[in-house]
Amino acid sequence: MRITLRSFIVPSIPLAVLLVIGCMVLWLSDFGFSGFHLPLVQSGSQGDFIASLVGNSLITTIIIFSVTLLNAFLLAQINNKFTIIRIRTFLPILIFLLLMAAWYPTHTQISPHIALTLSILAVFNFFNMLRNNKASEEAFLGCLLISVSSLIINEYIFLIPVCWIGFIIFQSLSLRTFLASVMGALAPWVLYISIIYLINPNTNLYNLFSVNIYFGINFASFSLIQFIYGGAMILIFIFGLIGLISMSRSDAIQTRNKLNFLMLLIFSLVVLSVIFMNHLTVFLPLIAFIYALLLSHPLTLNQNNNFNGLLFIIFITLNLAFIFLKNISL
């Protein structure tokens, strides 16, 4: 029996709308559980101060809901504009929204979603730097956006060196682009520190740069269901990467460079998640964004492969099961 993904890759408009609504209903279903408890881990070194400014939990939910849809739209745009996947596909949107529905620690925190929006816009600029060592404007704007996101979530500042490696991958590293990226990374922090100092000259500026590094994983904080789900998602991603590497040989060199940058970025995020395990939640939306793009590549381009069809069915089943079983302690 042949398993095909065509209905999900190029769905009709009514089916696409139904799938998006279904993912959003699953996302909102979390708030129907009594005794529901979030977050799984701490939100970040400065806390989710945006949520604290908003205050009202309903407004917070609406904002997160809206930003999630915006990020799904930007995901589709970045895939279509830069042809990460050679054909148009709905899979990245579906996978991203399903992951956001399942990864419940992100459902009450605005900051990681806004940081994801800024990061996607930064990736737009970095992809425009391909084979252009004079792309100082793109280097400046890309690192500026990453730096602004680091004002919201301090740990994102460690993505700047990863971006410099990305310049090498894109064959766009030069003294001009490097200095532009440094200026872009410094500008938001210089402005922020200047404002803080003007408001309160006695502020301890050292505390602004302190990060809470926590080596090691507190396994007791995870349930058996979370272990099984996490391990299965890692295995699915590994199988997807194997398929991506084999399929990418048919891609243009420019596309392979973009895929290599995305793989570098997600592995860097995994390392940062381990180093800052107590702030794991802040990395989840960005990981979901890259996970969706990379996994969609082999599933879309080899859609008639029975193994890929089975892999996709397992992915959907695991996430649906996790959404409904995550509140059970085992």
C-alpha atoms as a PDB file:
ATOM      1  CA  MET A   1       0.000   0.000   0.000  1.00  0.00           C
ATOM      2  CA  ARG A   2       1.463   3.338  -1.100  1.00  0.00           C
ATOM      3  CA  ILE A   3       1.344   6.181   1.429  1.00  0.00           C
ATOM      4  CA  THR A   4       1.242   9.607  -0.237  1.00  0.00           C
ATOM      5  CA  LEU A   5       1.582  13.035   1.365  1.00  0.00           C
ATOM      6  CA  ARG A   6       0.237  14.974  -1.606  1.00  0.00           C
ATOM      7  CA  SER A   7      -2.983  15.972   0.182  1.00  0.00           C
ATOM      8  CA  PHE A   8      -0.923  17.672   2.916  1.00  0.00           C
ATOM      9  CA  ILE A   9       1.764  19.106   0.638  1.00  0.00           C
ATOM     10  CA  VAL A  10      -0.657  20.816  -1.758  1.00  0.00           C
ATOM     11  CA  PRO A  11      -3.980  20.873   0.096  1.00  0.00           C
ATOM     12  CA  SER A  12      -7.112  22.536  -1.185  1.00  0.00           C
ATOM     13  CA  ILE A  13      -7.889  25.913   0.376  1.00  0.00           C
ATOM     14  CA  PRO A  14     -10.686  24.506   2.580  1.00  0.00           C
ATOM     15  CA  LEU A  15      -8.419  21.673   3.794  1.00  0.00           C
ATOM     16  CA  ALA A  16      -5.550  24.092   4.497  1.00  0.00           C
ATOM     17  CA  VAL A  17      -7.871  26.349   6.520  1.00  0.00           C
ATOM     18  CA  LEU A  18      -9.241  23.303   8.360  1.00  0.00           C
ATOM     19  CA  LEU A  19      -5.723  22.091   9.230  1.00  0.00           C
ATOM     20  CA  VAL A  20      -4.704  25.504  10.565  1.00  0.00           C
ATOM     21  CA  ILE A  21      -7.892  25.779  12.621  1.00  0.00           C
ATOM     22  CA  GLY A  22      -7.342  22.244  13.918  1.00  0.00           C
ATOM     23  CA  CYS A  23      -3.812  23.087  15.101  1.00  0.00           C
ATOM     24  CA  MET A  24      -5.058  26.242  16.785  1.00  0.00           C
ATOM     25  CA  VAL A  25      -7.852  24.326  18.537  1.00  0.00           C
ATOM     26  CA  LEU A  26      -5.253  21.865  19.805  1.00  0.00           C
ATOM     27  CA  TRP A  27      -3.148  24.804  20.968  1.00  0.00           C
ATOM     28  CA  LEU A  28      -6.083  26.320  22.845  1.00  0.00           C
ATOM     29  CA  SER A  29      -7.143  22.964  24.310  1.00  0.00           C
ATOM     30  CA  ASP A  30      -4.415  23.328  26.935  1.00  0.00           C
ATOM     31  CA  PHE A  31      -6.426  25.976  28.675  1.00  0.00           C
ATOM     32  CA  GLY A  32      -9.342  23.618  29.102  1.00  0.00           C
ATOM     33  CA  PHE A  33      -7.493  21.297  31.471  1.00  0.00           C
ATOM     34  CA  SER A  34      -8.109  21.893  35.128  1.00  0.00           C
ATOM     35  CA  GLY A  35      -4.995  22.135  37.213  1.00  0.00           C
ATOM     36  CA  PHE A  36      -2.961  22.873  34.072  1.00  0.00           C
ATOM     37  CA  HIS A  37       0.489  23.971  35.066  1.00  0.00           C
ATOM     38  CA  LEU A  38       2.994  26.076  33.140  1.00  0.00           C
ATOM     39  CA  PRO A  39       5.767  26.583  32.457  1.00  0.00           C
ATOM     40  CA  LEU A  40       7.794  23.378  32.563  1.00  0.00           C
ATOM     41  CA  VAL A  41      11.014  25.375  33.032  1.00  0.00           C
ATOM     42  CA  GLN A  42      11.858  29.004  33.724  1.00  0.00           C
ATOM     43  CA  SER A  43      11.238  31.486  30.972  1.00  0.00           C
ATOM     44  CA  GLY A  44      14.537  33.308  30.735  1.00  0.00           C
ATOM     45  CA  SER A  45      17.238  35.229  32.540  1.00  0.00           C
ATOM     46  CA  GLN A  46      15.130  38.391  32.770  1.00  0.00           C
ATOM     47  CA  GLY A  47      11.811  36.584  32.942  1.00  0.00           C
ATOM     48  CA  ASP A  48       8.961  37.119  30.513  1.00  0.00           C
ATOM     49  CA  PHE A  49       8.747  40.838  31.236  1.00  0.00           C
ATOM     50  CA  ILE A  50       6.573  41.478  28.189  1.00  0.00           C
ATOM     51  CA  ALA A  51       3.889  39.213  29.624  1.00  0.00           C
ATOM     52  CA  SER A  52       4.209  41.004  32.956  1.00  0.00           C
ATOM     53  CA  LEU A  53       3.656  44.339  31.192  1.00  0.00           C
ATOM     54  CA  VAL A  54       0.538  43.011  29.478  1.00  0.00           C
ATOM     55  CA  GLY A  55      -0.720  41.520  32.734  1.00  0.00           C
ATOM     56  CA  ASN A  56      -4.094  40.214  31.573  1.00  0.00           C
ATOM     57  CA  SER A  57      -3.864  36.484  30.841  1.00  0.00           C
ATOM     58  CA  LEU A  58      -6.535  36.636  28.112  1.00  0.00           C
ATOM     59  CA  ILE A  59      -4.697  39.447  26.292  1.00  0.00           C
ATOM     60  CA  THR A  60      -1.450  37.494  26.674  1.00  0.00           C
ATOM     61  CA  THR A  61      -3.073  34.432  25.102  1.00  0.00           C
ATOM     62  CA  ILE A  62      -4.472  36.469  22.195  1.00  0.00           C
ATOM     63  CA  ILE A  63      -1.066  38.074  21.548  1.00  0.00           C
ATOM     64  CA  ILE A  64       0.758  34.724  21.588  1.00  0.00           C
ATOM     65  CA  PHE A  65      -1.940  33.200  19.375  1.00  0.00           C
ATOM     66  CA  SER A  66      -1.604  36.062  16.850  1.00  0.00           C
ATOM     67  CA  VAL A  67       2.208  36.057  16.836  1.00  0.00           C
ATOM     68  CA  THR A  68       2.211  32.273  16.288  1.00  0.00           C
ATOM     69  CA  LEU A  69       0.053  32.733  13.176  1.00  0.00           C
ATOM     70  CA  LEU A  70       2.338  35.573  12.021  1.00  0.00           C
ATOM     71  CA  ASN A  71       5.400  33.348  12.430  1.00  0.00           C
ATOM     72  CA  ALA A  72       3.697  30.577  10.446  1.00  0.00           C
ATOM     73  CA  PHE A  73       3.061  33.108   7.666  1.00  0.00           C
ATOM     74  CA  LEU A  74       6.708  34.265   7.737  1.00  0.00           C
ATOM     75  CA  LEU A  75       7.804  30.630   7.612  1.00  0.00           C
ATOM     76  CA  ALA A  76       5.818  30.149   4.403  1.00  0.00           C
ATOM     77  CA  GLN A  77       7.256  33.363   2.951  1.00  0.00           C
ATOM     78  CA  ILE A  78      10.868  32.488   3.668  1.00  0.00           C
ATOM     79  CA  ASN A  79      10.368  29.046   2.113  1.00  0.00           C
ATOM     80  CA  ASN A  80       8.700  30.448  -1.007  1.00  0.00           C
ATOM     81  CA  LYS A  81      11.076  33.379  -1.522  1.00  0.00           C
ATOM     82  CA  PHE A  82      14.328  31.458  -1.108  1.00  0.00           C
ATOM     83  CA  THR A  83      13.095  28.074  -2.445  1.00  0.00           C
ATOM     84  CA  ILE A  84      14.377  26.136   0.566  1.00  0.00           C
ATOM     85  CA  ILE A  85      12.122  23.403  -0.782  1.00  0.00           C
ATOM     86  CA  ARG A  86      11.979  23.324  -4.575  1.00  0.00           C
ATOM     87  CA  ILE A  87       8.200  23.095  -4.792  1.00  0.00           C
ATOM     88  CA  ARG A  88       5.469  24.914  -2.912  1.00  0.00           C
ATOM     89  CA  THR A  89       4.399  22.978   0.140  1.00  0.00           C
ATOM     90  CA  PHE A  90       2.072  23.408   3.094  1.00  0.00           C
ATOM     91  CA  LEU A  91       4.032  20.968   5.272  1.00  0.00           C
ATOM     92  CA  PRO A  92       6.299  23.543   7.027  1.00  0.00           C
ATOM     93  CA  ILE A  93       3.257  25.478   8.239  1.00  0.00           C
ATOM     94  CA  LEU A  94       1.458  22.321   9.392  1.00  0.00           C
ATOM     95  CA  ILE A  95       4.516  20.922  11.202  1.00  0.00           C
ATOM     96  CA  PHE A  96       5.324  24.257  12.852  1.00  0.00           C
ATOM     97  CA  LEU A  97       1.778  24.840  14.100  1.00  0.00           C
ATOM     98  CA  LEU A  98       1.500  21.269  15.373  1.00  0.00           C
ATOM     99  CA  LEU A  99       4.783  21.607  17.262  1.00  0.00           C
ATOM    100  CA  MET A 100       3.635  24.883  18.764  1.00  0.00           C
ATOM    101  CA  ALA A 101       0.400  23.186  19.850  1.00  0.00           C
ATOM    102  CA  ALA A 102       2.319  20.316  21.461  1.00  0.00           C
ATOM    103  CA  TRP A 103       5.144  22.305  23.090  1.00  0.00           C
ATOM    104  CA  TYR A 104       2.929  23.669  25.848  1.00  0.00           C
ATOM    105  CA  PRO A 105       5.606  25.526  27.924  1.00  0.00           C
ATOM    106  CA  THR A 106       5.554  28.222  25.218  1.00  0.00           C
ATOM    107  CA  HIS A 107       1.818  28.850  25.484  1.00  0.00           C
ATOM    108  CA  THR A 108       1.987  31.469  28.225  1.00  0.00           C
ATOM    109  CA  GLN A 109       5.214  33.266  27.274  1.00  0.00           C
ATOM    110  CA  ILE A 110       5.192  36.111  24.763  1.00  0.00           C
ATOM    111  CA  SER A 111       8.941  36.778  24.641  1.00  0.00           C
ATOM    112  CA  PRO A 112      10.087  33.583  22.817  1.00  0.00           C
ATOM    113  CA  HIS A 113       7.493  34.135  20.075  1.00  0.00           C
ATOM    114  CA  ILE A 114       8.474  37.758  19.505  1.00  0.00           C
ATOM    115  CA  ALA A 115      12.148  36.706  19.534  1.00  0.00           C
ATOM    116  CA  LEU A 116      11.268  34.123  16.865  1.00  0.00           C
ATOM    117  CA  THR A 117       9.660  36.809  14.685  1.00  0.00           C
ATOM    118  CA  LEU A 118      12.806  38.932  14.930  1.00  0.00           C
ATOM    119  CA  SER A 119      14.992  35.887  14.212  1.00  0.00           C
ATOM    120  CA  ILE A 120      13.010  34.977  11.086  1.00  0.00           C
ATOM    121  CA  LEU A 121      13.397  38.541   9.806  1.00  0.00           C
ATOM    122  CA  ALA A 122      17.133  38.240  10.539  1.00  0.00           C
ATOM    123  CA  VAL A 123      17.295  35.019   8.517  1.00  0.00           C
ATOM    124  CA  PHE A 124      15.642  36.877   5.608  1.00  0.00           C
ATOM    125  CA  ASN A 125      18.562  39.328   5.652  1.00  0.00           C
ATOM    126  CA  PHE A 126      21.223  36.625   6.023  1.00  0.00           C
ATOM    127  CA  PHE A 127      19.828  34.639   3.087  1.00  0.00           C
ATOM    128  CA  ASN A 128      20.070  37.800   0.958  1.00  0.00           C
ATOM    129  CA  MET A 129      23.832  37.906   1.655  1.00  0.00           C
ATOM    130  CA  LEU A 130      24.577  34.828  -0.425  1.00  0.00           C
ATOM    131  CA  ARG A 131      27.899  35.242  -2.306  1.00  0.00           C
ATOM    132  CA  ASN A 132      27.960  38.973  -1.665  1.00  0.00           C
ATOM    133  CA  ASN A 133      30.841  40.088   0.526  1.00  0.00           C
ATOM    134  CA  LYS A 134      29.639  43.690   0.203  1.00  0.00           C
ATOM    135  CA  ALA A 135      26.241  42.989   1.781  1.00  0.00           C
ATOM    136  CA  SER A 136      26.973  45.222   4.776  1.00  0.00           C
ATOM    137  CA  GLU A 137      23.366  46.437   5.034  1.00  0.00           C
ATOM    138  CA  GLU A 138      22.004  42.885   5.321  1.00  0.00           C
ATOM    139  CA  ALA A 139      24.735  41.943   7.820  1.00  0.00           C
ATOM    140  CA  PHE A 140      23.958  45.012   9.929  1.00  0.00           C
ATOM    141  CA  LEU A 141      20.175  44.511   9.896  1.00  0.00           C
ATOM    142  CA  GLY A 142      20.369  40.769  10.515  1.00  0.00           C
ATOM    143  CA  CYS A 143      22.621  41.079  13.555  1.00  0.00           C
ATOM    144  CA  LEU A 144      20.650  44.133  14.733  1.00  0.00           C
ATOM    145  CA  LEU A 145      17.481  41.995  14.823  1.00  0.00           C
ATOM    146  CA  ILE A 146      19.252  39.166  16.664  1.00  0.00           C
ATOM    147  CA  SER A 147      20.639  41.697  19.136  1.00  0.00           C
ATOM    148  CA  VAL A 148      17.184  43.212  19.725  1.00  0.00           C
ATOM    149  CA  SER A 149      15.853  39.703  20.405  1.00  0.00           C
ATOM    150  CA  SER A 150      18.698  39.270  22.926  1.00  0.00           C
ATOM    151  CA  LEU A 151      17.379  42.300  24.814  1.00  0.00           C
ATOM    152  CA  ILE A 152      14.197  40.285  25.271  1.00  0.00           C
ATOM    153  CA  ILE A 153      15.961  36.953  25.849  1.00  0.00           C
ATOM    154  CA  ASN A 154      19.603  37.458  26.831  1.00  0.00           C
ATOM    155  CA  GLU A 155      20.716  33.991  25.709  1.00  0.00           C
ATOM    156  CA  TYR A 156      20.055  34.868  22.058  1.00  0.00           C
ATOM    157  CA  ILE A 157      23.215  37.005  22.011  1.00  0.00           C
ATOM    158  CA  PHE A 158      25.186  33.766  21.634  1.00  0.00           C
ATOM    159  CA  LEU A 159      23.639  33.322  18.183  1.00  0.00           C
ATOM    160  CA  ILE A 160      25.749  36.207  16.833  1.00  0.00           C
ATOM    161  CA  PRO A 161      28.934  34.056  16.473  1.00  0.00           C
ATOM    162  CA  VAL A 162      26.790  31.405  14.765  1.00  0.00           C
ATOM    163  CA  CYS A 163      25.727  34.065  12.266  1.00  0.00           C
ATOM    164  CA  TRP A 164      29.379  34.853  11.546  1.00  0.00           C
ATOM    165  CA  ILE A 165      29.948  31.188  10.708  1.00  0.00           C
ATOM    166  CA  GLY A 166      26.885  31.522   8.484  1.00  0.00           C
ATOM    167  CA  PHE A 167      28.644  34.350   6.599  1.00  0.00           C
ATOM    168  CA  ILE A 168      31.414  31.880   5.806  1.00  0.00           C
ATOM    169  CA  ILE A 169      28.888  29.314   4.595  1.00  0.00           C
ATOM    170  CA  PHE A 170      27.285  31.977   2.376  1.00  0.00           C
ATOM    171  CA  GLN A 171      30.737  33.053   1.090  1.00  0.00           C
ATOM    172  CA  SER A 172      29.944  36.591   2.187  1.00  0.00           C
ATOM    173  CA  LEU A 173      32.391  37.118   5.043  1.00  0.00           C
ATOM    174  CA  SER A 174      34.587  40.170   4.602  1.00  0.00           C
ATOM    175  CA  LEU A 175      35.905  42.929   6.818  1.00  0.00           C
ATOM    176  CA  ARG A 176      32.996  45.093   5.663  1.00  0.00           C
ATOM    177  CA  THR A 177      30.260  42.578   6.516  1.00  0.00           C
ATOM    178  CA  PHE A 178      31.950  41.570   9.774  1.00  0.00           C
ATOM    179  CA  LEU A 179      32.255  45.154  11.038  1.00  0.00           C
ATOM    180  CA  ALA A 180      28.685  45.879   9.937  1.00  0.00           C
ATOM    181  CA  SER A 181      27.442  42.856  11.895  1.00  0.00           C
ATOM    182  CA  VAL A 182      29.410  43.928  14.983  1.00  0.00           C
ATOM    183  CA  MET A 183      27.902  47.419  14.790  1.00  0.00           C
ATOM    184  CA  GLY A 184      24.443  45.919  14.364  1.00  0.00           C
ATOM    185  CA  ALA A 185      24.939  43.663  17.393  1.00  0.00           C
ATOM    186  CA  LEU A 186      26.247  46.502  19.584  1.00  0.00           C
ATOM    187  CA  ALA A 187      23.755  49.238  18.637  1.00  0.00           C
ATOM    188  CA  PRO A 188      20.663  47.982  20.577  1.00  0.00           C
ATOM    189  CA  TRP A 189      22.698  47.209  23.698  1.00  0.00           C
ATOM    190  CA  VAL A 190      24.510  50.560  23.650  1.00  0.00           C
ATOM    191  CA  LEU A 191      21.171  52.338  23.322  1.00  0.00           C
ATOM    192  CA  TYR A 192      19.597  50.187  26.048  1.00  0.00           C
ATOM    193  CA  ILE A 193      22.481  50.689  28.504  1.00  0.00           C
ATOM    194  CA  SER A 194      22.523  54.442  27.800  1.00  0.00           C
ATOM    195  CA  ILE A 195      18.816  54.741  28.595  1.00  0.00           C
ATOM    196  CA  ILE A 196      19.189  52.640  31.761  1.00  0.00           C
ATOM    197  CA  TYR A 197      22.141  54.767  32.898  1.00  0.00           C
ATOM    198  CA  LEU A 198      20.299  58.037  32.220  1.00  0.00           C
ATOM    199  CA  ILE A 199      17.281  56.842  34.199  1.00  0.00           C
ATOM    200  CA  ASN A 200      19.334  55.497  37.079  1.00  0.00           C
ATOM    201  CA  PRO A 201      23.088  56.259  37.129  1.00  0.00           C
ATOM    202  CA  ASN A 202      23.518  53.945  40.126  1.00  0.00           C
ATOM    203  CA  THR A 203      22.435  50.865  38.179  1.00  0.00           C
ATOM    204  CA  ASN A 204      24.843  47.941  38.413  1.00  0.00           C
ATOM    205  CA  LEU A 205      25.576  47.446  34.721  1.00  0.00           C
ATOM    206  CA  TYR A 206      27.283  44.119  35.424  1.00  0.00           C
ATOM    207  CA  ASN A 207      23.903  42.569  36.220  1.00  0.00           C
ATOM    208  CA  LEU A 208      22.683  43.428  32.716  1.00  0.00           C
ATOM    209  CA  PHE A 209      25.240  41.061  31.232  1.00  0.00           C
ATOM    210  CA  SER A 210      24.932  38.221  33.730  1.00  0.00           C
ATOM    211  CA  VAL A 211      23.523  34.921  32.489  1.00  0.00           C
ATOM    212  CA  ASN A 212      22.498  31.929  34.508  1.00  0.00           C
ATOM    213  CA  ILE A 213      24.437  28.954  33.131  1.00  0.00           C
ATOM    214  CA  TYR A 214      23.168  25.608  34.368  1.00  0.00           C
ATOM    215  CA  PHE A 215      25.125  22.553  33.249  1.00  0.00           C
ATOM    216  CA  GLY A 216      23.316  19.261  33.543  1.00  0.00           C
ATOM    217  CA  ILE A 217      19.738  18.118  33.176  1.00  0.00           C
ATOM    218  CA  ASN A 218      17.335  17.683  36.040  1.00  0.00           C
ATOM    219  CA  PHE A 219      15.758  14.447  34.845  1.00  0.00           C
ATOM    220  CA  ALA A 220      13.339  14.480  37.779  1.00  0.00           C
ATOM    221  CA  SER A 221      11.535  17.457  36.225  1.00  0.00           C
ATOM    222  CA  PHE A 222      10.515  15.394  33.189  1.00  0.00           C
ATOM    223  CA  SER A 223       7.841  12.695  33.127  1.00  0.00           C
ATOM    224  CA  LEU A 224       8.117   9.372  31.291  1.00  0.00           C
ATOM    225  CA  ILE A 225       5.746  10.656  28.606  1.00  0.00           C
ATOM    226  CA  GLN A 226       8.002  13.651  28.000  1.00  0.00           C
ATOM    227  CA  PHE A 227      11.063  11.404  27.728  1.00  0.00           C
ATOM    228  CA  ILE A 228       9.360   9.122  25.215  1.00  0.00           C
ATOM    229  CA  TYR A 229       8.037  12.033  23.177  1.00  0.00           C
ATOM    230  CA  GLY A 230      11.368  13.887  23.194  1.00  0.00           C
ATOM    231  CA  GLY A 231      13.333  10.798  22.176  1.00  0.00           C
ATOM    232  CA  ALA A 232      10.885   9.984  19.391  1.00  0.00           C
ATOM    233  CA  MET A 233      11.006  13.544  18.021  1.00  0.00           C
ATOM    234  CA  ILE A 234      14.804  13.426  17.971  1.00  0.00           C
ATOM    235  CA  LEU A 235      14.735  10.105  16.072  1.00  0.00           C
ATOM    236  CA  ILE A 236      12.241  11.487  13.551  1.00  0.00           C
ATOM    237  CA  PHE A 237      14.467  14.526  13.012  1.00  0.00           C
ATOM    238  CA  ILE A 238      17.555  12.327  12.518  1.00  0.00           C
ATOM    239  CA  PHE A 239      15.729  10.253   9.895  1.00  0.00           C
ATOM    240  CA  GLY A 240      14.593  13.493   8.287  1.00  0.00           C
ATOM    241  CA  LEU A 241      18.170  14.831   8.195  1.00  0.00           C
ATOM    242  CA  ILE A 242      19.377  11.641   6.535  1.00  0.00           C
ATOM    243  CA  GLY A 243      16.714  12.086   3.865  1.00  0.00           C
ATOM    244  CA  LEU A 244      17.498  15.779   3.539  1.00  0.00           C
ATOM    245  CA  ILE A 245      21.222  15.172   3.001  1.00  0.00           C
ATOM    246  CA  SER A 246      20.523  12.593   0.293  1.00  0.00           C
ATOM    247  CA  MET A 247      17.874  14.761  -1.415  1.00  0.00           C
ATOM    248  CA  SER A 248      19.869  18.004  -1.190  1.00  0.00           C
ATOM    249  CA  ARG A 249      22.358  16.706  -3.764  1.00  0.00           C
ATOM    250  CA  SER A 250      19.791  17.661  -6.384  1.00  0.00           C
ATOM    251  CA  ASP A 251      19.421  21.174  -4.976  1.00  0.00           C
ATOM    252  CA  ALA A 252      21.250  24.225  -6.237  1.00  0.00           C
ATOM    253  CA  ILE A 253      24.420  25.222  -4.387  1.00  0.00           C
ATOM    254  CA  GLN A 254      22.664  28.311  -3.018  1.00  0.00           C
ATOM    255  CA  THR A 255      19.901  26.153  -1.524  1.00  0.00           C
ATOM    256  CA  ARG A 256      22.424  23.743   0.004  1.00  0.00           C
ATOM    257  CA  ASN A 257      24.176  26.701   1.647  1.00  0.00           C
ATOM    258  CA  LYS A 258      20.902  27.838   3.200  1.00  0.00           C
ATOM    259  CA  LEU A 259      20.124  24.314   4.411  1.00  0.00           C
ATOM    260  CA  ASN A 260      23.615  24.031   5.910  1.00  0.00           C
ATOM    261  CA  PHE A 261      23.100  27.303   7.768  1.00  0.00           C
ATOM    262  CA  LEU A 262      19.758  26.098   9.141  1.00  0.00           C
ATOM    263  CA  MET A 263      21.362  22.828  10.299  1.00  0.00           C
ATOM    264  CA  LEU A 264      24.180  24.780  11.969  1.00  0.00           C
ATOM    265  CA  LEU A 265      21.613  27.016  13.647  1.00  0.00           C
ATOM    266  CA  ILE A 266      19.489  24.186  15.050  1.00  0.00           C
ATOM    267  CA  PHE A 267      22.532  22.295  16.383  1.00  0.00           C
ATOM    268  CA  SER A 268      23.730  25.529  18.022  1.00  0.00           C
ATOM    269  CA  LEU A 269      20.305  25.928  19.626  1.00  0.00           C
ATOM    270  CA  VAL A 270      20.496  22.380  20.976  1.00  0.00           C
ATOM    271  CA  VAL A 271      23.872  23.178  22.562  1.00  0.00           C
ATOM    272  CA  LEU A 272      22.514  26.405  24.050  1.00  0.00           C
ATOM    273  CA  SER A 273      19.460  24.504  25.338  1.00  0.00           C
ATOM    274  CA  VAL A 274      21.761  22.131  27.216  1.00  0.00           C
ATOM    275  CA  ILE A 275      23.917  24.958  28.607  1.00  0.00           C
ATOM    276  CA  PHE A 276      20.863  26.976  29.646  1.00  0.00           C
ATOM    277  CA  MET A 277      18.633  24.028  30.492  1.00  0.00           C
ATOM    278  CA  ASN A 278      16.768  26.023  33.130  1.00  0.00           C
ATOM    279  CA  HIS A 279      15.728  28.419  30.324  1.00  0.00           C
ATOM    280  CA  LEU A 280      14.962  25.749  27.743  1.00  0.00           C
ATOM    281  CA  THR A 281      11.547  27.198  26.894  1.00  0.00           C
ATOM    282  CA  VAL A 282      12.955  30.340  25.270  1.00  0.00           C
ATOM    283  CA  PHE A 283      14.611  28.316  22.491  1.00  0.00           C
ATOM    284  CA  LEU A 284      11.610  26.127  21.624  1.00  0.00           C
ATOM    285  CA  PRO A 285       9.819  28.378  19.068  1.00  0.00           C
ATOM    286  CA  LEU A 286      13.025  28.953  17.070  1.00  0.00           C
ATOM    287  CA  ILE A 287      13.827  25.228  17.199  1.00  0.00           C
ATOM    288  CA  ALA A 288      10.292  24.464  15.978  1.00  0.00           C
ATOM    289  CA  PHE A 289      10.720  26.894  13.061  1.00  0.00           C
ATOM    290  CA  ILE A 290      13.933  25.240  11.837  1.00  0.00           C
ATOM    291  CA  TYR A 291      12.661  21.723  12.629  1.00  0.00           C
ATOM    292  CA  ALA A 292       9.599  22.351  10.424  1.00  0.00           C
ATOM    293  CA  LEU A 293      11.665  23.601   7.468  1.00  0.00           C
ATOM    294  CA  LEU A 294      14.270  20.838   7.583  1.00  0.00           C
ATOM    295  CA  LEU A 295      11.823  17.969   8.131  1.00  0.00           C
ATOM    296  CA  SER A 296       9.513  19.229   5.372  1.00  0.00           C
ATOM    297  CA  HIS A 297      12.314  19.133   2.808  1.00  0.00           C
ATOM    298  CA  PRO A 298      12.644  15.315   2.412  1.00  0.00           C
ATOM    299  CA  LEU A 299       8.942  14.691   3.091  1.00  0.00           C
ATOM    300  CA  THR A 300       7.949  17.054   0.277  1.00  0.00           C
ATOM    301  CA  LEU A 301      10.549  16.165  -2.337  1.00  0.00           C
ATOM    302  CA  ASN A 302      10.155  12.418  -1.820  1.00  0.00           C
ATOM    303  CA  GLN A 303       6.454  12.408  -1.074  1.00  0.00           C
ATOM    304  CA  ASN A 304       5.710   9.038  -2.683  1.00  0.00           C
ATOM    305  CA  ASN A 305       8.233   7.219  -0.530  1.00  0.00           C
ATOM    306  CA  ASN A 306       6.376   4.866   1.826  1.00  0.00           C
ATOM    307  CA  PHE A 307       8.953   5.386   4.579  1.00  0.00           C
ATOM    308  CA  ASN A 308       8.505   9.165   4.495  1.00  0.00           C
ATOM    309  CA  GLY A 309       4.735   8.725   4.537  1.00  0.00           C
ATOM    310  CA  LEU A 310       5.002   6.437   7.551  1.00  0.00           C
ATOM    311  CA  LEU A 311       7.411   8.867   9.242  1.00  0.00           C
ATOM    312  CA  PHE A 312       4.911  11.691   8.780  1.00  0.00           C
ATOM    313  CA  ILE A 313       2.046   9.599  10.181  1.00  0.00           C
ATOM    314  CA  ILE A 314       4.172   8.711  13.225  1.00  0.00           C
ATOM    315  CA  PHE A 315       5.045  12.403  13.662  1.00  0.00           C
ATOM    316  CA  ILE A 316       1.377  13.442  13.594  1.00  0.00           C
ATOM    317  CA  THR A 317       0.332  10.607  15.909  1.00  0.00           C
ATOM    318  CA  LEU A 318       3.072  11.323  18.446  1.00  0.00           C
ATOM    319  CA  ASN A 319       2.207  14.998  18.677  1.00  0.00           C
ATOM    320  CA  LEU A 320      -1.530  14.374  18.989  1.00  0.00           C
ATOM    321  CA  ALA A 321      -0.901  11.738  21.661  1.00  0.00           C
ATOM    322  CA  PHE A 322       1.440  14.077  23.541  1.00  0.00           C
ATOM    323  CA  ILE A 323      -1.089  16.910  23.462  1.00  0.00           C
ATOM    324  CA  PHE A 324      -3.735  14.727  25.101  1.00  0.00           C
ATOM    325  CA  LEU A 325      -1.476  12.714  27.438  1.00  0.00           C
ATOM    326  CA  LYS A 326       1.042  15.284  28.660  1.00  0.00           C
ATOM    327  CA  ASN A 327      -0.918  16.018  31.813  1.00  0.00           C
ATOM    328  CA  ILE A 328      -0.676  12.384  32.911  1.00  0.00           C
ATOM    329  CA  SER A 329       2.174  11.753  35.355  1.00  0.00           C
ATOM    330  CA  LEU A 330       4.011   8.468  34.841  1.00  0.00           C
END
